[in-house]
Protein backbone atom coordinates (compact mmCIF):
# COMPACT_ATOMS: atom_id res chain seq x y z
CA MET A 1 29.54 -22.03 200.81
CA PHE A 2 25.80 -21.36 200.24
CA ALA A 3 25.32 -25.14 200.25
CA ARG A 4 27.11 -25.52 203.62
CA ALA A 5 25.25 -22.64 205.23
CA LEU A 6 21.83 -23.85 204.11
CA ALA A 7 22.64 -27.46 205.10
CA ALA A 8 23.57 -26.31 208.60
CA VAL A 9 20.27 -24.59 208.96
CA LEU A 10 18.41 -27.64 207.61
CA VAL A 11 20.18 -30.01 210.09
CA ALA A 12 19.17 -27.79 212.94
CA SER A 13 15.63 -27.84 211.76
CA SER A 14 15.63 -31.62 211.47
CA ALA A 15 16.33 -31.84 215.23
CA GLN A 16 12.85 -30.39 215.95
CA ALA A 17 9.66 -32.51 216.38
CA SER A 18 8.74 -34.36 213.17
CA SER A 19 6.35 -32.48 210.89
CA PRO A 20 5.26 -32.72 207.29
CA ILE A 21 7.84 -30.26 206.26
CA ASP A 22 10.74 -32.48 207.49
CA GLN A 23 10.99 -34.88 204.58
CA PRO A 24 11.25 -32.31 201.76
CA MET A 25 13.62 -30.20 203.83
CA ALA A 26 15.88 -33.29 204.28
CA LYS A 27 15.73 -33.98 200.62
CA ALA A 28 16.81 -30.36 200.01
CA LYS A 29 19.76 -30.85 202.46
CA ARG A 30 20.87 -33.85 200.50
CA LEU A 31 20.75 -31.97 197.19
CA LEU A 32 22.56 -29.09 198.62
CA ASP A 33 25.39 -31.32 199.85
CA GLN A 34 25.82 -31.98 196.21
CA VAL A 35 25.53 -28.31 195.37
CA GLU A 36 22.45 -29.04 193.21
CA TYR A 37 20.72 -25.70 193.72
CA GLU A 38 18.01 -26.16 191.14
CA ALA A 39 16.95 -29.54 192.36
CA ALA A 40 17.09 -28.19 195.95
CA LEU A 41 14.66 -25.49 194.84
CA VAL A 42 12.31 -28.05 193.85
CA ALA A 43 12.43 -29.79 197.11
CA LEU A 44 12.00 -26.41 198.93
CA ALA A 45 8.95 -25.63 196.70
CA ASP A 46 7.48 -28.98 198.08
CA ALA A 47 8.44 -27.86 201.68
CA ARG A 48 6.66 -24.69 201.21
CA LYS A 49 3.42 -26.52 200.19
CA VAL A 50 3.34 -28.28 203.60
CA ALA A 51 4.56 -25.35 205.77
CA SER A 52 2.20 -25.20 208.76
CA ASN A 53 2.79 -21.75 210.03
CA PRO A 54 4.28 -18.38 208.90
CA HIS A 55 7.69 -19.16 210.47
CA GLU A 56 8.14 -22.46 208.62
CA GLU A 57 7.23 -20.79 205.38
CA ALA A 58 9.43 -17.77 206.02
CA ARG A 59 12.30 -20.31 206.76
CA VAL A 60 11.68 -21.99 203.39
CA ARG A 61 11.70 -18.63 201.53
CA LEU A 62 15.00 -17.83 203.09
CA TYR A 63 16.41 -21.02 201.95
CA GLN A 64 14.97 -20.36 198.52
CA GLY A 65 16.63 -17.04 198.43
CA ILE A 66 19.95 -18.47 199.46
CA CYS A 67 19.72 -21.06 196.55
CA HIS A 68 18.98 -18.17 194.11
CA ALA A 69 21.96 -16.39 195.38
CA GLY A 70 24.06 -19.44 194.78
CA LEU A 71 22.72 -19.49 191.20
CA MET A 72 23.45 -15.72 191.00
CA GLU A 73 19.77 -15.10 190.32
CA TRP A 74 19.65 -11.84 192.22
CA PRO A 75 15.99 -10.73 191.35
CA ALA A 76 14.72 -14.13 192.59
CA MET A 77 16.76 -13.99 195.77
CA VAL A 78 15.35 -10.52 196.59
CA GLU A 79 11.80 -11.74 195.90
CA HIS A 80 12.19 -14.60 198.42
CA PHE A 81 13.90 -12.53 200.96
CA ARG A 82 11.25 -9.81 200.84
CA ALA A 83 8.47 -12.61 201.26
CA ALA A 84 10.42 -14.18 204.19
CA LEU A 85 10.55 -10.69 206.00
CA GLU A 86 6.89 -10.10 205.39
CA LEU A 87 6.13 -13.37 207.04
CA TRP A 88 8.63 -13.18 209.87
CA PRO A 89 10.12 -9.69 210.38
CA GLU A 90 12.77 -11.10 212.93
CA ALA A 91 14.07 -13.67 210.27
CA GLU A 92 17.85 -13.76 210.12
CA LEU A 93 20.27 -15.32 207.48
CA PRO A 94 22.81 -17.74 208.74
CA GLU A 95 26.26 -16.31 209.32
CA GLU A 96 27.83 -18.59 206.67
CA VAL A 97 25.90 -17.00 203.86
CA GLY A 98 27.97 -14.99 201.36
CA SER A 99 28.52 -11.27 201.63
CA ALA A 100 26.43 -10.50 198.43
CA ALA A 101 23.31 -12.21 199.87
CA THR A 102 23.94 -10.71 203.44
CA GLU A 103 24.16 -7.28 202.17
CA SER A 104 21.09 -7.46 200.03
CA PHE A 105 19.27 -8.95 202.94
CA ALA A 106 20.29 -6.19 205.32
CA ARG A 107 19.36 -3.45 202.68
CA LEU A 108 15.99 -5.11 202.21
CA ARG A 109 15.39 -5.28 205.99
CA ALA A 110 16.29 -1.57 206.40
CA GLU A 111 13.96 -0.69 203.46
CA MET A 112 11.09 -2.59 204.84
CA ARG A 113 11.51 -1.95 208.65
CA PRO A 114 9.00 1.00 208.82
CA ARG A 115 6.29 -1.37 207.86
CA LEU A 116 7.59 -4.40 209.51
CA GLN A 117 6.64 -3.14 213.06
CA PRO A 118 4.72 -5.64 215.06
CA GLU A 119 0.96 -4.79 214.99
CA VAL A 120 0.83 -4.53 218.82
CA ASP A 121 3.13 -1.45 218.58
CA SER A 122 0.86 0.35 216.18
CA SER A 123 -2.19 -0.53 218.29
CA ILE A 124 -0.40 0.85 221.55
CA ALA A 125 0.49 3.88 219.69
CA ARG A 126 -3.08 4.47 218.62
CA ARG A 127 -4.25 4.13 222.20
CA PHE A 128 -2.01 7.01 223.08
CA GLN A 129 -3.50 9.21 220.33
CA ARG A 130 -6.99 9.29 221.64
CA PRO A 131 -9.28 12.03 220.55
CA LYS A 132 -10.19 14.74 223.09
CA TRP A 133 -13.87 15.38 222.30
CA PRO A 134 -15.09 12.30 224.44
CA LEU A 135 -13.64 14.18 227.39
CA VAL A 136 -16.04 17.19 226.45
CA VAL A 137 -18.88 14.67 226.60
CA ALA A 138 -17.88 13.09 229.89
CA GLY A 139 -17.46 16.81 231.20
CA ALA A 140 -21.03 17.68 230.07
CA GLY A 141 -22.25 14.44 231.72
CA ALA A 142 -20.57 15.32 234.90
CA ALA A 143 -22.17 18.86 234.87
CA ALA A 144 -25.62 17.54 234.14
CA ALA A 145 -25.33 14.91 237.09
CA LEU A 146 -24.22 17.56 239.42
CA GLY A 147 -27.17 19.75 238.24
CA GLY A 148 -29.46 16.76 238.79
CA GLY A 149 -28.04 16.32 242.29
CA PHE A 150 -28.69 20.01 243.07
CA CYS A 151 -32.36 19.55 241.83
CA ALA A 152 -32.66 16.47 244.12
CA LEU A 153 -31.65 18.58 247.03
CA GLN A 154 -34.22 21.23 246.11
CA ALA A 155 -36.94 18.64 245.86
CA LYS A 156 -36.04 17.17 249.29
CA ALA A 157 -36.25 20.67 250.71
CA ARG A 158 -39.67 21.13 249.32
CA TYR A 159 -40.71 17.66 250.84
CA ASP A 160 -39.37 18.62 254.15
CA LYS A 161 -41.13 21.93 254.08
CA LEU A 162 -44.49 20.26 253.40
CA THR A 163 -43.69 17.58 256.12
CA PHE A 164 -42.44 19.72 258.86
CA SER A 165 -44.24 23.06 258.32
CA PRO A 166 -47.80 22.31 259.12
CA SER A 167 -48.62 26.20 259.33
CA LEU A 168 -48.33 26.52 255.51
CA SER A 169 -51.28 27.84 253.75
CA ASP A 170 -53.01 25.92 251.00
CA ALA A 171 -51.37 28.14 248.37
CA GLU A 172 -47.97 27.76 250.01
CA SER A 173 -48.42 23.97 250.18
CA GLU A 174 -49.52 23.89 246.53
CA ALA A 175 -46.58 25.88 245.44
CA ALA A 176 -44.00 23.77 247.45
CA LYS A 177 -45.75 20.52 246.11
CA ASN A 178 -45.46 21.75 242.42
CA GLU A 179 -41.82 22.90 242.95
CA GLY A 180 -40.88 19.72 244.46
CA THR A 181 -42.44 17.77 241.57
CA ARG A 182 -40.49 19.89 239.13
CA TYR A 183 -37.33 19.55 240.89
CA GLN A 184 -37.68 15.84 241.21
CA ALA A 185 -38.27 15.49 237.39
CA LEU A 186 -35.21 17.53 236.69
CA ALA A 187 -33.20 15.64 239.20
CA ILE A 188 -34.12 12.30 237.63
CA ALA A 189 -33.48 13.45 234.02
CA GLY A 190 -30.34 15.32 235.06
CA ILE A 191 -28.73 12.48 236.96
CA GLY A 192 -29.84 9.78 234.42
CA ALA A 193 -28.68 11.78 231.41
CA GLY A 194 -25.41 12.92 233.08
CA VAL A 195 -24.41 9.52 234.35
CA ALA A 196 -25.09 8.15 230.81
CA ALA A 197 -23.09 10.85 229.05
CA LEU A 198 -20.21 10.66 231.77
CA GLY A 199 -19.98 6.79 231.07
CA ALA A 200 -20.21 7.12 227.22
CA GLY A 201 -17.50 9.95 227.15
CA LEU A 202 -15.17 7.96 229.23
CA GLY A 203 -15.77 4.63 227.37
CA LEU A 204 -15.16 6.45 224.02
CA TYR A 205 -11.95 7.97 225.36
CA LEU A 206 -10.51 4.85 226.81
CA PHE A 207 -11.74 2.29 224.29
CA GLY A 208 -12.57 4.16 221.08
CA GLU A 209 -15.90 4.33 219.22
CA PRO A 210 -18.20 1.30 220.03
CA ARG A 211 -20.25 -0.69 217.50
CA ALA A 212 -23.52 0.31 219.20
CA ARG A 213 -26.23 2.87 218.79
CA TRP A 214 -27.93 4.65 221.69
CA SER A 215 -30.47 7.31 222.22
CA ILE A 216 -32.04 9.25 225.07
CA ALA A 217 -35.67 10.17 225.12
CA PRO A 218 -37.76 12.04 227.69
CA ALA A 219 -40.25 9.91 229.60
CA SER A 220 -42.69 10.28 232.25
CA GLY A 221 -40.69 11.16 235.54
CA GLY A 222 -37.43 11.32 233.68
CA ALA A 223 -35.52 10.00 230.67
CA VAL A 224 -34.97 6.62 228.82
CA LEU A 225 -31.61 5.65 227.57
CA SER A 226 -31.76 3.05 224.78
CA VAL A 227 -28.69 0.98 223.60
CA SER A 228 -28.54 -1.48 220.51
CA GLY A 229 -25.62 -3.41 219.11
CA ALA A 230 -22.35 -4.15 220.84
CA LEU A 231 -20.18 -1.94 223.08
CA TRP A 232 -16.40 -2.22 223.31
């Protein structure tokens, strides 16, 4: 029964496009037709050496497990079934395989299922478990940018006062000029730092920590944001 099951799978495989694995698999089929499990295992070992992708290797490991089941070598059967599931979590045994091998395979799949979830599932789960502290950074950046905007309005008000109020005394003009300069510097620093913090906070929240370093340093008339490395 094991020979017929494995032979059926091998016949289906031979219908696919020719590949280096076809010849040793065909040899294994001939041996399985003769119920020569040990010789079939040798042919399957050769097929495994030329397997070109995880699915091919997983298929070979399944067949090896079936052969060991036919020989009643249960530990070896479990070893090959386990390796096949690690390579190809969706692998299935042919329906014709005996109940002992089928039950062992089902138990092994249930045991391994928690760590056989596709990587894409875990990455999606991680995206929905984002830390909250980047939102605090983004909020602080938004507040700083708003403060910078307020300072910009105050600077414009001082400029308008100097431009459209010619009756100002020299002291009043000097005071308005100094206030305008101070508000302008605060506006540049607040808006620049605020936008940088807002962007960084949102980027950290949406994409995780980047592989980059940045720093903000005061400079004449504002601030300088320096970034090195790679972002997301």
